[in-house]
Amino acid sequence: QAQQAQPAPPAVAKVEPKAPAASAPAATSTKAGAPSKLDANGLPVSWSIQLASLSNRAGAEKLQQTLRSQGYNAYIRAAGGMNRVYVGPLIERADAERTRDAINRQNSLKGFVVRFQPERS
């Protein structure tokens, strides 16, 4: 019968990612399979770029939408009455630094790389 669909999974495994082969599992697989370092909570160490800290929530949301329209994973975290706009997380710090540089050039910002912290509930 139509059992010929079984060869497809090995073909998926052969897809070559954009990243170098050494970091391919971290870039293409789930976090559970990533070979990166783990933090005290057992989560992979990852990085984000803080781009702004605004008192005005509407301004933070506008920047978030601008960044998302450019293809970045932008998010907002409230801290101490301020709304911080981030992009990330990224597994490799070098990737975060390259992304920061690109965002800084595109948007005339002065972002900086920080450790990604999961949102506390």
PDB file of N, CA and C in Angstrom:
ATOM      1  N   GLN A   1       0.828  -1.196   0.000  1.00  0.00           N
ATOM      2  CA  GLN A   1       0.000   0.000   0.000  1.00  0.00           C
ATOM      3  C   GLN A   1       0.867   1.253   0.000  1.00  0.00           C
ATOM      4  N   ALA A   2       0.320   2.374   0.430  1.00  0.00           N
ATOM      5  CA  ALA A   2       1.036   3.658   0.388  1.00  0.00           C
ATOM      6  C   ALA A   2       1.928   3.826   1.615  1.00  0.00           C
ATOM      7  N   GLN A   3       2.843   2.916   1.843  1.00  0.00           N
ATOM      8  CA  GLN A   3       3.765   2.976   2.967  1.00  0.00           C
ATOM      9  C   GLN A   3       5.058   3.700   2.591  1.00  0.00           C
ATOM     10  N   GLN A   4       5.120   4.317   1.431  1.00  0.00           N
ATOM     11  CA  GLN A   4       6.352   4.950   0.974  1.00  0.00           C
ATOM     12  C   GLN A   4       6.604   6.298   1.640  1.00  0.00           C
ATOM     13  N   ALA A   5       5.735   6.756   2.491  1.00  0.00           N
ATOM     14  CA  ALA A   5       5.953   8.031   3.192  1.00  0.00           C
ATOM     15  C   ALA A   5       7.011   7.900   4.290  1.00  0.00           C
ATOM     16  N   GLN A   6       7.361   6.661   4.677  1.00  0.00           N
ATOM     17  CA  GLN A   6       8.326   6.446   5.745  1.00  0.00           C
ATOM     18  C   GLN A   6       9.719   6.985   5.447  1.00  0.00           C
ATOM     19  N   PRO A   7      10.236   7.000   4.221  1.00  0.00           N
ATOM     20  CA  PRO A   7      11.573   7.561   3.997  1.00  0.00           C
ATOM     21  C   PRO A   7      11.679   9.066   4.257  1.00  0.00           C
ATOM     22  N   ALA A   8      10.572   9.782   4.365  1.00  0.00           N
ATOM     23  CA  ALA A   8      10.611  11.241   4.556  1.00  0.00           C
ATOM     24  C   ALA A   8      11.322  11.681   5.841  1.00  0.00           C
ATOM     25  N   PRO A   9      11.117  11.059   7.017  1.00  0.00           N
ATOM     26  CA  PRO A   9      11.798  11.543   8.219  1.00  0.00           C
ATOM     27  C   PRO A   9      13.326  11.604   8.105  1.00  0.00           C
ATOM     28  N   PRO A  10      14.014  10.613   7.513  1.00  0.00           N
ATOM     29  CA  PRO A  10      15.462  10.768   7.373  1.00  0.00           C
ATOM     30  C   PRO A  10      15.837  11.981   6.528  1.00  0.00           C
ATOM     31  N   ALA A  11      15.033  12.326   5.529  1.00  0.00           N
ATOM     32  CA  ALA A  11      15.325  13.493   4.700  1.00  0.00           C
ATOM     33  C   ALA A  11      15.245  14.767   5.541  1.00  0.00           C
ATOM     34  N   VAL A  12      14.321  14.834   6.477  1.00  0.00           N
ATOM     35  CA  VAL A  12      14.189  16.001   7.342  1.00  0.00           C
ATOM     36  C   VAL A  12      15.453  16.164   8.190  1.00  0.00           C
ATOM     37  N   ALA A  13      16.012  15.054   8.654  1.00  0.00           N
ATOM     38  CA  ALA A  13      17.199  15.114   9.500  1.00  0.00           C
ATOM     39  C   ALA A  13      18.411  15.643   8.727  1.00  0.00           C
ATOM     40  N   LYS A  14      18.403  15.531   7.395  1.00  0.00           N
ATOM     41  CA  LYS A  14      19.539  15.957   6.588  1.00  0.00           C
ATOM     42  C   LYS A  14      19.487  17.433   6.209  1.00  0.00           C
ATOM     43  N   VAL A  15      18.440  18.145   6.582  1.00  0.00           N
ATOM     44  CA  VAL A  15      18.329  19.561   6.254  1.00  0.00           C
ATOM     45  C   VAL A  15      19.472  20.317   6.922  1.00  0.00           C
ATOM     46  N   GLU A  16      20.216  21.093   6.147  1.00  0.00           N
ATOM     47  CA  GLU A  16      21.363  21.814   6.695  1.00  0.00           C
ATOM     48  C   GLU A  16      20.939  23.192   7.180  1.00  0.00           C
ATOM     49  N   PRO A  17      21.226  23.512   8.448  1.00  0.00           N
ATOM     50  CA  PRO A  17      20.887  24.837   8.984  1.00  0.00           C
ATOM     51  C   PRO A  17      21.891  25.877   8.513  1.00  0.00           C
ATOM     52  N   LYS A  18      21.577  27.154   8.745  1.00  0.00           N
ATOM     53  CA  LYS A  18      22.471  28.252   8.387  1.00  0.00           C
ATOM     54  C   LYS A  18      23.685  28.295   9.309  1.00  0.00           C
ATOM     55  N   ALA A  19      23.530  27.823  10.544  1.00  0.00           N
ATOM     56  CA  ALA A  19      24.599  27.886  11.532  1.00  0.00           C
ATOM     57  C   ALA A  19      25.661  26.832  11.235  1.00  0.00           C
ATOM     58  N   PRO A  20      26.874  27.007  11.754  1.00  0.00           N
ATOM     59  CA  PRO A  20      27.917  25.988  11.588  1.00  0.00           C
ATOM     60  C   PRO A  20      27.475  24.659  12.190  1.00  0.00           C
ATOM     61  N   ALA A  21      28.031  23.560  11.688  1.00  0.00           N
ATOM     62  CA  ALA A  21      27.612  22.232  12.111  1.00  0.00           C
ATOM     63  C   ALA A  21      27.721  22.017  13.616  1.00  0.00           C
ATOM     64  N   ALA A  22      28.717  22.596  14.255  1.00  0.00           N
ATOM     65  CA  ALA A  22      28.919  22.386  15.693  1.00  0.00           C
ATOM     66  C   ALA A  22      27.768  22.927  16.518  1.00  0.00           C
ATOM     67  N   SER A  23      27.136  24.008  16.073  1.00  0.00           N
ATOM     68  CA  SER A  23      26.042  24.578  16.848  1.00  0.00           C
ATOM     69  C   SER A  23      24.684  24.259  16.232  1.00  0.00           C
ATOM     70  N   ALA A  24      24.635  23.424  15.205  1.00  0.00           N
ATOM     71  CA  ALA A  24      23.372  23.125  14.534  1.00  0.00           C
ATOM     72  C   ALA A  24      22.308  22.580  15.480  1.00  0.00           C
ATOM     73  N   PRO A  25      22.612  21.630  16.378  1.00  0.00           N
ATOM     74  CA  PRO A  25      21.554  21.141  17.254  1.00  0.00           C
ATOM     75  C   PRO A  25      20.947  22.248  18.113  1.00  0.00           C
ATOM     76  N   ALA A  26      21.760  23.178  18.592  1.00  0.00           N
ATOM     77  CA  ALA A  26      21.231  24.268  19.419  1.00  0.00           C
ATOM     78  C   ALA A  26      20.360  25.198  18.586  1.00  0.00           C
ATOM     79  N   ALA A  27      20.701  25.372  17.321  1.00  0.00           N
ATOM     80  CA  ALA A  27      19.974  26.321  16.488  1.00  0.00           C
ATOM     81  C   ALA A  27      18.688  25.732  15.931  1.00  0.00           C
ATOM     82  N   THR A  28      18.626  24.390  15.768  1.00  0.00           N
ATOM     83  CA  THR A  28      17.488  23.827  15.063  1.00  0.00           C
ATOM     84  C   THR A  28      16.624  22.904  15.906  1.00  0.00           C
ATOM     85  N   SER A  29      17.099  22.439  17.035  1.00  0.00           N
ATOM     86  CA  SER A  29      16.325  21.496  17.826  1.00  0.00           C
ATOM     87  C   SER A  29      15.667  22.194  19.008  1.00  0.00           C
ATOM     88  N   THR A  30      14.904  21.414  19.761  1.00  0.00           N
ATOM     89  CA  THR A  30      14.285  21.986  20.950  1.00  0.00           C
ATOM     90  C   THR A  30      15.342  22.256  22.001  1.00  0.00           C
ATOM     91  N   LYS A  31      15.022  23.063  22.969  1.00  0.00           N
ATOM     92  CA  LYS A  31      16.002  23.426  23.996  1.00  0.00           C
ATOM     93  C   LYS A  31      16.476  22.200  24.775  1.00  0.00           C
ATOM     94  N   ALA A  32      15.653  21.178  24.889  1.00  0.00           N
ATOM     95  CA  ALA A  32      16.035  19.991  25.644  1.00  0.00           C
ATOM     96  C   ALA A  32      17.229  19.293  24.999  1.00  0.00           C
ATOM     97  N   GLY A  33      17.364  19.390  23.665  1.00  0.00           N
ATOM     98  CA  GLY A  33      18.446  18.717  22.981  1.00  0.00           C
ATOM     99  C   GLY A  33      19.654  19.602  22.756  1.00  0.00           C
ATOM    100  N   ALA A  34      19.611  20.832  23.197  1.00  0.00           N
ATOM    101  CA  ALA A  34      20.699  21.763  22.941  1.00  0.00           C
ATOM    102  C   ALA A  34      21.901  21.451  23.832  1.00  0.00           C
ATOM    103  N   PRO A  35      23.110  21.500  23.264  1.00  0.00           N
ATOM    104  CA  PRO A  35      24.300  21.182  24.051  1.00  0.00           C
ATOM    105  C   PRO A  35      24.849  22.371  24.839  1.00  0.00           C
ATOM    106  N   SER A  36      24.133  23.493  24.869  1.00  0.00           N
ATOM    107  CA  SER A  36      24.646  24.676  25.553  1.00  0.00           C
ATOM    108  C   SER A  36      24.627  24.494  27.060  1.00  0.00           C
ATOM    109  N   LYS A  37      25.301  25.411  27.771  1.00  0.00           N
ATOM    110  CA  LYS A  37      25.375  25.359  29.225  1.00  0.00           C
ATOM    111  C   LYS A  37      23.994  25.579  29.838  1.00  0.00           C
ATOM    112  N   LEU A  38      23.793  25.006  31.003  1.00  0.00           N
ATOM    113  CA  LEU A  38      22.526  25.173  31.709  1.00  0.00           C
ATOM    114  C   LEU A  38      22.735  26.077  32.911  1.00  0.00           C
ATOM    115  N   ASP A  39      21.695  26.840  33.237  1.00  0.00           N
ATOM    116  CA  ASP A  39      21.779  27.698  34.418  1.00  0.00           C
ATOM    117  C   ASP A  39      21.335  26.924  35.655  1.00  0.00           C
ATOM    118  N   ALA A  40      21.200  27.603  36.787  1.00  0.00           N
ATOM    119  CA  ALA A  40      20.841  26.952  38.049  1.00  0.00           C
ATOM    120  C   ALA A  40      19.455  26.304  38.000  1.00  0.00           C
ATOM    121  N   ASN A  41      18.606  26.766  37.096  1.00  0.00           N
ATOM    122  CA  ASN A  41      17.260  26.197  36.959  1.00  0.00           C
ATOM    123  C   ASN A  41      17.205  25.079  35.929  1.00  0.00           C
ATOM    124  N   GLY A  42      18.350  24.714  35.364  1.00  0.00           N
ATOM    125  CA  GLY A  42      18.371  23.659  34.355  1.00  0.00           C
ATOM    126  C   GLY A  42      17.951  24.150  32.983  1.00  0.00           C
ATOM    127  N   LEU A  43      17.872  25.457  32.804  1.00  0.00           N
ATOM    128  CA  LEU A  43      17.500  26.032  31.511  1.00  0.00           C
ATOM    129  C   LEU A  43      18.755  26.453  30.761  1.00  0.00           C
ATOM    130  N   PRO A  44      18.723  26.392  29.428  1.00  0.00           N
ATOM    131  CA  PRO A  44      19.898  26.805  28.668  1.00  0.00           C
ATOM    132  C   PRO A  44      20.221  28.284  28.918  1.00  0.00           C
ATOM    133  N   VAL A  45      21.509  28.587  29.032  1.00  0.00           N
ATOM    134  CA  VAL A  45      21.941  29.972  29.158  1.00  0.00           C
ATOM    135  C   VAL A  45      21.676  30.623  27.803  1.00  0.00           C
ATOM    136  N   SER A  46      20.959  31.745  27.817  1.00  0.00           N
ATOM    137  CA  SER A  46      20.680  32.443  26.576  1.00  0.00           C
ATOM    138  C   SER A  46      20.730  33.948  26.807  1.00  0.00           C
ATOM    139  N   TRP A  47      20.619  34.688  25.721  1.00  0.00           N
ATOM    140  CA  TRP A  47      20.878  36.120  25.741  1.00  0.00           C
ATOM    141  C   TRP A  47      19.758  36.890  25.079  1.00  0.00           C
ATOM    142  N   SER A  48      19.542  38.118  25.535  1.00  0.00           N
ATOM    143  CA  SER A  48      18.593  39.039  24.911  1.00  0.00           C
ATOM    144  C   SER A  48      19.296  40.372  24.720  1.00  0.00           C
ATOM    145  N   ILE A  49      18.674  41.223  23.920  1.00  0.00           N
ATOM    146  CA  ILE A  49      19.194  42.564  23.704  1.00  0.00           C
ATOM    147  C   ILE A  49      18.187  43.546  24.294  1.00  0.00           C
ATOM    148  N   GLN A  50      18.617  44.316  25.287  1.00  0.00           N
ATOM    149  CA  GLN A  50      17.741  45.360  25.836  1.00  0.00           C
ATOM    150  C   GLN A  50      17.941  46.595  24.976  1.00  0.00           C
ATOM    151  N   LEU A  51      16.830  47.093  24.409  1.00  0.00           N
ATOM    152  CA  LEU A  51      16.925  48.208  23.473  1.00  0.00           C
ATOM    153  C   LEU A  51      16.411  49.519  24.026  1.00  0.00           C
ATOM    154  N   ALA A  52      15.518  49.456  24.998  1.00  0.00           N
ATOM    155  CA  ALA A  52      14.963  50.698  25.547  1.00  0.00           C
ATOM    156  C   ALA A  52      14.351  50.414  26.901  1.00  0.00           C
ATOM    157  N   SER A  53      14.259  51.465  27.715  1.00  0.00           N
ATOM    158  CA  SER A  53      13.567  51.413  28.993  1.00  0.00           C
ATOM    159  C   SER A  53      12.720  52.684  29.052  1.00  0.00           C
ATOM    160  N   LEU A  54      11.424  52.514  28.855  1.00  0.00           N
ATOM    161  CA  LEU A  54      10.518  53.653  28.700  1.00  0.00           C
ATOM    162  C   LEU A  54       9.476  53.688  29.803  1.00  0.00           C
ATOM    163  N   SER A  55       9.168  54.884  30.293  1.00  0.00           N
ATOM    164  CA  SER A  55       8.099  55.010  31.289  1.00  0.00           C
ATOM    165  C   SER A  55       6.731  54.901  30.624  1.00  0.00           C
ATOM    166  N   ASN A  56       6.659  55.227  29.357  1.00  0.00           N
ATOM    167  CA  ASN A  56       5.402  55.220  28.608  1.00  0.00           C
ATOM    168  C   ASN A  56       5.182  53.849  27.969  1.00  0.00           C
ATOM    169  N   ARG A  57       4.152  53.128  28.411  1.00  0.00           N
ATOM    170  CA  ARG A  57       3.866  51.785  27.880  1.00  0.00           C
ATOM    171  C   ARG A  57       3.542  51.834  26.382  1.00  0.00           C
ATOM    172  N   ALA A  58       2.815  52.857  25.963  1.00  0.00           N
ATOM    173  CA  ALA A  58       2.452  52.970  24.551  1.00  0.00           C
ATOM    174  C   ALA A  58       3.702  53.111  23.673  1.00  0.00           C
ATOM    175  N   GLY A  59       4.684  53.875  24.149  1.00  0.00           N
ATOM    176  CA  GLY A  59       5.940  54.015  23.409  1.00  0.00           C
ATOM    177  C   GLY A  59       6.686  52.699  23.301  1.00  0.00           C
ATOM    178  N   ALA A  60       6.674  51.925  24.395  1.00  0.00           N
ATOM    179  CA  ALA A  60       7.331  50.615  24.393  1.00  0.00           C
ATOM    180  C   ALA A  60       6.628  49.677  23.406  1.00  0.00           C
ATOM    181  N   GLU A  61       5.298  49.711  23.387  1.00  0.00           N
ATOM    182  CA  GLU A  61       4.541  48.848  22.473  1.00  0.00           C
ATOM    183  C   GLU A  61       4.775  49.250  21.018  1.00  0.00           C
ATOM    184  N   LYS A  62       4.923  50.542  20.764  1.00  0.00           N
ATOM    185  CA  LYS A  62       5.197  51.012  19.394  1.00  0.00           C
ATOM    186  C   LYS A  62       6.559  50.491  18.935  1.00  0.00           C
ATOM    187  N   LEU A  63       7.573  50.589  19.801  1.00  0.00           N
ATOM    188  CA  LEU A  63       8.897  50.075  19.454  1.00  0.00           C
ATOM    189  C   LEU A  63       8.847  48.561  19.245  1.00  0.00           C
ATOM    190  N   GLN A  64       8.110  47.869  20.112  1.00  0.00           N
ATOM    191  CA  GLN A  64       7.965  46.420  19.968  1.00  0.00           C
ATOM    192  C   GLN A  64       7.378  46.077  18.597  1.00  0.00           C
ATOM    193  N   GLN A  65       6.334  46.783  18.186  1.00  0.00           N
ATOM    194  CA  GLN A  65       5.706  46.516  16.885  1.00  0.00           C
ATOM    195  C   GLN A  65       6.669  46.813  15.741  1.00  0.00           C
ATOM    196  N   THR A  66       7.433  47.886  15.852  1.00  0.00           N
ATOM    197  CA  THR A  66       8.418  48.219  14.817  1.00  0.00           C
ATOM    198  C   THR A  66       9.431  47.096  14.675  1.00  0.00           C
ATOM    199  N   LEU A  67       9.955  46.620  15.800  1.00  0.00           N
ATOM    200  CA  LEU A  67      10.950  45.548  15.779  1.00  0.00           C
ATOM    201  C   LEU A  67      10.360  44.256  15.223  1.00  0.00           C
ATOM    202  N   ARG A  68       9.130  43.941  15.610  1.00  0.00           N
ATOM    203  CA  ARG A  68       8.483  42.734  15.091  1.00  0.00           C
ATOM    204  C   ARG A  68       8.254  42.831  13.587  1.00  0.00           C
ATOM    205  N   SER A  69       7.915  44.026  13.109  1.00  0.00           N
ATOM    206  CA  SER A  69       7.697  44.189  11.662  1.00  0.00           C
ATOM    207  C   SER A  69       9.008  44.000  10.890  1.00  0.00           C
ATOM    208  N   GLN A  70      10.144  44.168  11.568  1.00  0.00           N
ATOM    209  CA  GLN A  70      11.453  43.950  10.962  1.00  0.00           C
ATOM    210  C   GLN A  70      11.908  42.496  11.119  1.00  0.00           C
ATOM    211  N   GLY A  71      11.061  41.664  11.734  1.00  0.00           N
ATOM    212  CA  GLY A  71      11.366  40.241  11.852  1.00  0.00           C
ATOM    213  C   GLY A  71      12.026  39.823  13.154  1.00  0.00           C
ATOM    214  N   TYR A  72      12.086  40.710  14.142  1.00  0.00           N
ATOM    215  CA  TYR A  72      12.724  40.380  15.416  1.00  0.00           C
ATOM    216  C   TYR A  72      11.685  39.908  16.433  1.00  0.00           C
ATOM    217  N   ASN A  73      12.104  39.028  17.335  1.00  0.00           N
ATOM    218  CA  ASN A  73      11.245  38.545  18.413  1.00  0.00           C
ATOM    219  C   ASN A  73      11.340  39.534  19.579  1.00  0.00           C
ATOM    220  N   ALA A  74      10.546  40.596  19.505  1.00  0.00           N
ATOM    221  CA  ALA A  74      10.591  41.659  20.512  1.00  0.00           C
ATOM    222  C   ALA A  74       9.556  41.400  21.596  1.00  0.00           C
ATOM    223  N   TYR A  75       9.929  41.728  22.837  1.00  0.00           N
ATOM    224  CA  TYR A  75       9.000  41.589  23.960  1.00  0.00           C
ATOM    225  C   TYR A  75       9.263  42.696  24.972  1.00  0.00           C
ATOM    226  N   ILE A  76       8.284  42.899  25.862  1.00  0.00           N
ATOM    227  CA  ILE A  76       8.356  43.959  26.869  1.00  0.00           C
ATOM    228  C   ILE A  76       8.287  43.327  28.245  1.00  0.00           C
ATOM    229  N   ARG A  77       9.110  43.833  29.156  1.00  0.00           N
ATOM    230  CA  ARG A  77       9.044  43.430  30.565  1.00  0.00           C
ATOM    231  C   ARG A  77       8.955  44.695  31.405  1.00  0.00           C
ATOM    232  N   ALA A  78       8.017  44.710  32.333  1.00  0.00           N
ATOM    233  CA  ALA A  78       7.877  45.848  33.250  1.00  0.00           C
ATOM    234  C   ALA A  78       8.782  45.614  34.452  1.00  0.00           C
ATOM    235  N   ALA A  79       9.538  46.655  34.837  1.00  0.00           N
ATOM    236  CA  ALA A  79      10.435  46.559  35.989  1.00  0.00           C
ATOM    237  C   ALA A  79      10.626  47.948  36.584  1.00  0.00           C
ATOM    238  N   GLY A  80      10.307  48.087  37.846  1.00  0.00           N
ATOM    239  CA  GLY A  80      10.518  49.346  38.547  1.00  0.00           C
ATOM    240  C   GLY A  80       9.801  50.521  37.916  1.00  0.00           C
ATOM    241  N   GLY A  81       8.592  50.309  37.421  1.00  0.00           N
ATOM    242  CA  GLY A  81       7.827  51.383  36.803  1.00  0.00           C
ATOM    243  C   GLY A  81       8.235  51.696  35.374  1.00  0.00           C
ATOM    244  N   MET A  82       9.207  50.961  34.838  1.00  0.00           N
ATOM    245  CA  MET A  82       9.663  51.171  33.467  1.00  0.00           C
ATOM    246  C   MET A  82       9.262  49.982  32.600  1.00  0.00           C
ATOM    247  N   ASN A  83       9.137  50.221  31.318  1.00  0.00           N
ATOM    248  CA  ASN A  83       8.808  49.185  30.338  1.00  0.00           C
ATOM    249  C   ASN A  83      10.034  48.962  29.474  1.00  0.00           C
ATOM    250  N   ARG A  84      10.696  47.837  29.683  1.00  0.00           N
ATOM    251  CA  ARG A  84      11.926  47.533  28.958  1.00  0.00           C
ATOM    252  C   ARG A  84      11.598  46.714  27.725  1.00  0.00           C
ATOM    253  N   VAL A  85      12.157  47.125  26.602  1.00  0.00           N
ATOM    254  CA  VAL A  85      11.933  46.450  25.332  1.00  0.00           C
ATOM    255  C   VAL A  85      13.169  45.617  25.013  1.00  0.00           C
ATOM    256  N   TYR A  86      12.940  44.328  24.745  1.00  0.00           N
ATOM    257  CA  TYR A  86      14.015  43.374  24.465  1.00  0.00           C
ATOM    258  C   TYR A  86      13.766  42.673  23.134  1.00  0.00           C
ATOM    259  N   VAL A  87      14.830  42.116  22.574  1.00  0.00           N
ATOM    260  CA  VAL A  87      14.752  41.177  21.458  1.00  0.00           C
ATOM    261  C   VAL A  87      15.511  39.942  21.892  1.00  0.00           C
ATOM    262  N   GLY A  88      14.922  38.780  21.638  1.00  0.00           N
ATOM    263  CA  GLY A  88      15.580  37.525  21.994  1.00  0.00           C
ATOM    264  C   GLY A  88      14.546  36.502  22.408  1.00  0.00           C
ATOM    265  N   PRO A  89      14.949  35.463  23.089  1.00  0.00           N
ATOM    266  CA  PRO A  89      16.331  35.135  23.454  1.00  0.00           C
ATOM    267  C   PRO A  89      17.084  34.470  22.307  1.00  0.00           C
ATOM    268  N   LEU A  90      18.394  34.543  22.386  1.00  0.00           N
ATOM    269  CA  LEU A  90      19.295  33.904  21.436  1.00  0.00           C
ATOM    270  C   LEU A  90      20.247  33.016  22.229  1.00  0.00           C
ATOM    271  N   ILE A  91      20.525  31.830  21.714  1.00  0.00           N
ATOM    272  CA  ILE A  91      21.346  30.853  22.435  1.00  0.00           C
ATOM    273  C   ILE A  91      22.803  31.304  22.522  1.00  0.00           C
ATOM    274  N   GLU A  92      23.352  31.818  21.440  1.00  0.00           N
ATOM    275  CA  GLU A  92      24.771  32.193  21.409  1.00  0.00           C
ATOM    276  C   GLU A  92      24.941  33.691  21.631  1.00  0.00           C
ATOM    277  N   ARG A  93      25.843  34.062  22.511  1.00  0.00           N
ATOM    278  CA  ARG A  93      26.093  35.487  22.763  1.00  0.00           C
ATOM    279  C   ARG A  93      26.565  36.200  21.500  1.00  0.00           C
ATOM    280  N   ALA A  94      27.394  35.552  20.707  1.00  0.00           N
ATOM    281  CA  ALA A  94      27.889  36.170  19.470  1.00  0.00           C
ATOM    282  C   ALA A  94      26.728  36.507  18.530  1.00  0.00           C
ATOM    283  N   ASP A  95      25.730  35.636  18.452  1.00  0.00           N
ATOM    284  CA  ASP A  95      24.541  35.921  17.636  1.00  0.00           C
ATOM    285  C   ASP A  95      23.800  37.131  18.194  1.00  0.00           C
ATOM    286  N   ALA A  96      23.697  37.209  19.516  1.00  0.00           N
ATOM    287  CA  ALA A  96      23.025  38.344  20.156  1.00  0.00           C
ATOM    288  C   ALA A  96      23.766  39.644  19.845  1.00  0.00           C
ATOM    289  N   GLU A  97      25.094  39.602  19.865  1.00  0.00           N
ATOM    290  CA  GLU A  97      25.884  40.799  19.577  1.00  0.00           C
ATOM    291  C   GLU A  97      25.723  41.239  18.127  1.00  0.00           C
ATOM    292  N   ARG A  98      25.694  40.275  17.192  1.00  0.00           N
ATOM    293  CA  ARG A  98      25.476  40.618  15.775  1.00  0.00           C
ATOM    294  C   ARG A  98      24.073  41.197  15.577  1.00  0.00           C
ATOM    295  N   THR A  99      23.083  40.602  16.237  1.00  0.00           N
ATOM    296  CA  THR A  99      21.709  41.093  16.127  1.00  0.00           C
ATOM    297  C   THR A  99      21.604  42.497  16.712  1.00  0.00           C
ATOM    298  N   ARG A 100      22.239  42.717  17.865  1.00  0.00           N
ATOM    299  CA  ARG A 100      22.258  44.050  18.486  1.00  0.00           C
ATOM    300  C   ARG A 100      22.818  45.086  17.522  1.00  0.00           C
ATOM    301  N   ASP A 101      23.941  44.762  16.894  1.00  0.00           N
ATOM    302  CA  ASP A 101      24.568  45.706  15.965  1.00  0.00           C
ATOM    303  C   ASP A 101      23.638  46.038  14.801  1.00  0.00           C
ATOM    304  N   ALA A 102      22.961  45.017  14.269  1.00  0.00           N
ATOM    305  CA  ALA A 102      22.041  45.242  13.149  1.00  0.00           C
ATOM    306  C   ALA A 102      20.860  46.106  13.577  1.00  0.00           C
ATOM    307  N   ILE A 103      20.281  45.819  14.738  1.00  0.00           N
ATOM    308  CA  ILE A 103      19.144  46.605  15.234  1.00  0.00           C
ATOM    309  C   ILE A 103      19.586  48.040  15.517  1.00  0.00           C
ATOM    310  N   ASN A 104      20.754  48.209  16.130  1.00  0.00           N
ATOM    311  CA  ASN A 104      21.256  49.552  16.425  1.00  0.00           C
ATOM    312  C   ASN A 104      21.389  50.372  15.140  1.00  0.00           C
ATOM    313  N   ARG A 105      21.915  49.738  14.063  1.00  0.00           N
ATOM    314  CA  ARG A 105      22.074  50.445  12.782  1.00  0.00           C
ATOM    315  C   ARG A 105      20.708  50.763  12.166  1.00  0.00           C
ATOM    316  N   GLN A 106      19.794  49.790  12.167  1.00  0.00           N
ATOM    317  CA  GLN A 106      18.484  49.960  11.522  1.00  0.00           C
ATOM    318  C   GLN A 106      17.616  50.984  12.225  1.00  0.00           C
ATOM    319  N   ASN A 107      17.718  51.077  13.541  1.00  0.00           N
ATOM    320  CA  ASN A 107      16.767  51.870  14.307  1.00  0.00           C
ATOM    321  C   ASN A 107      17.393  53.009  15.109  1.00  0.00           C
ATOM    322  N   SER A 108      18.665  53.275  14.898  1.00  0.00           N
ATOM    323  CA  SER A 108      19.379  54.324  15.639  1.00  0.00           C
ATOM    324  C   SER A 108      19.202  54.157  17.149  1.00  0.00           C
ATOM    325  N   LEU A 109      19.389  52.933  17.618  1.00  0.00           N
ATOM    326  CA  LEU A 109      19.280  52.626  19.042  1.00  0.00           C
ATOM    327  C   LEU A 109      20.652  52.278  19.594  1.00  0.00           C
ATOM    328  N   LYS A 110      20.753  52.185  20.906  1.00  0.00           N
ATOM    329  CA  LYS A 110      21.998  51.803  21.578  1.00  0.00           C
ATOM    330  C   LYS A 110      21.700  50.636  22.512  1.00  0.00           C
ATOM    331  N   GLY A 111      21.303  49.516  21.934  1.00  0.00           N
ATOM    332  CA  GLY A 111      20.977  48.338  22.731  1.00  0.00           C
ATOM    333  C   GLY A 111      22.220  47.681  23.298  1.00  0.00           C
ATOM    334  N   PHE A 112      21.991  46.818  24.293  1.00  0.00           N
ATOM    335  CA  PHE A 112      23.101  46.055  24.875  1.00  0.00           C
ATOM    336  C   PHE A 112      22.626  44.647  25.218  1.00  0.00           C
ATOM    337  N   VAL A 113      23.579  43.718  25.204  1.00  0.00           N
ATOM    338  CA  VAL A 113      23.283  42.301  25.430  1.00  0.00           C
ATOM    339  C   VAL A 113      23.208  42.028  26.930  1.00  0.00           C
ATOM    340  N   VAL A 114      22.158  41.292  27.330  1.00  0.00           N
ATOM    341  CA  VAL A 114      21.961  40.892  28.727  1.00  0.00           C
ATOM    342  C   VAL A 114      21.592  39.409  28.760  1.00  0.00           C
ATOM    343  N   ARG A 115      21.786  38.796  29.902  1.00  0.00           N
ATOM    344  CA  ARG A 115      21.330  37.410  30.086  1.00  0.00           C
ATOM    345  C   ARG A 115      19.817  37.377  30.004  1.00  0.00           C
ATOM    346  N   PHE A 116      19.267  36.414  29.282  1.00  0.00           N
ATOM    347  CA  PHE A 116      17.819  36.233  29.214  1.00  0.00           C
ATOM    348  C   PHE A 116      17.334  35.671  30.548  1.00  0.00           C
ATOM    349  N   GLN A 117      16.292  36.276  31.084  1.00  0.00           N
ATOM    350  CA  GLN A 117      15.687  35.793  32.312  1.00  0.00           C
ATOM    351  C   GLN A 117      14.241  35.395  32.017  1.00  0.00           C
ATOM    352  N   PRO A 118      13.877  34.138  32.247  1.00  0.00           N
ATOM    353  CA  PRO A 118      12.480  33.740  32.029  1.00  0.00           C
ATOM    354  C   PRO A 118      11.553  34.587  32.893  1.00  0.00           C
ATOM    355  N   GLU A 119      10.379  34.847  32.379  1.00  0.00           N
ATOM    356  CA  GLU A 119       9.420  35.673  33.117  1.00  0.00           C
ATOM    357  C   GLU A 119       8.932  34.922  34.340  1.00  0.00           C
ATOM    358  N   ARG A 120       8.946  35.589  35.474  1.00  0.00           N
ATOM    359  CA  ARG A 120       8.471  34.966  36.720  1.00  0.00           C
ATOM    360  C   ARG A 120       6.968  35.075  36.783  1.00  0.00           C
ATOM    361  N   SER A 121       6.313  34.008  37.262  1.00  0.00           N
ATOM    362  CA  SER A 121       4.846  34.048  37.338  1.00  0.00           C
ATOM    363  C   SER A 121       4.335  34.537  38.664  1.00  0.00           C
TER     364      SER A 121
END
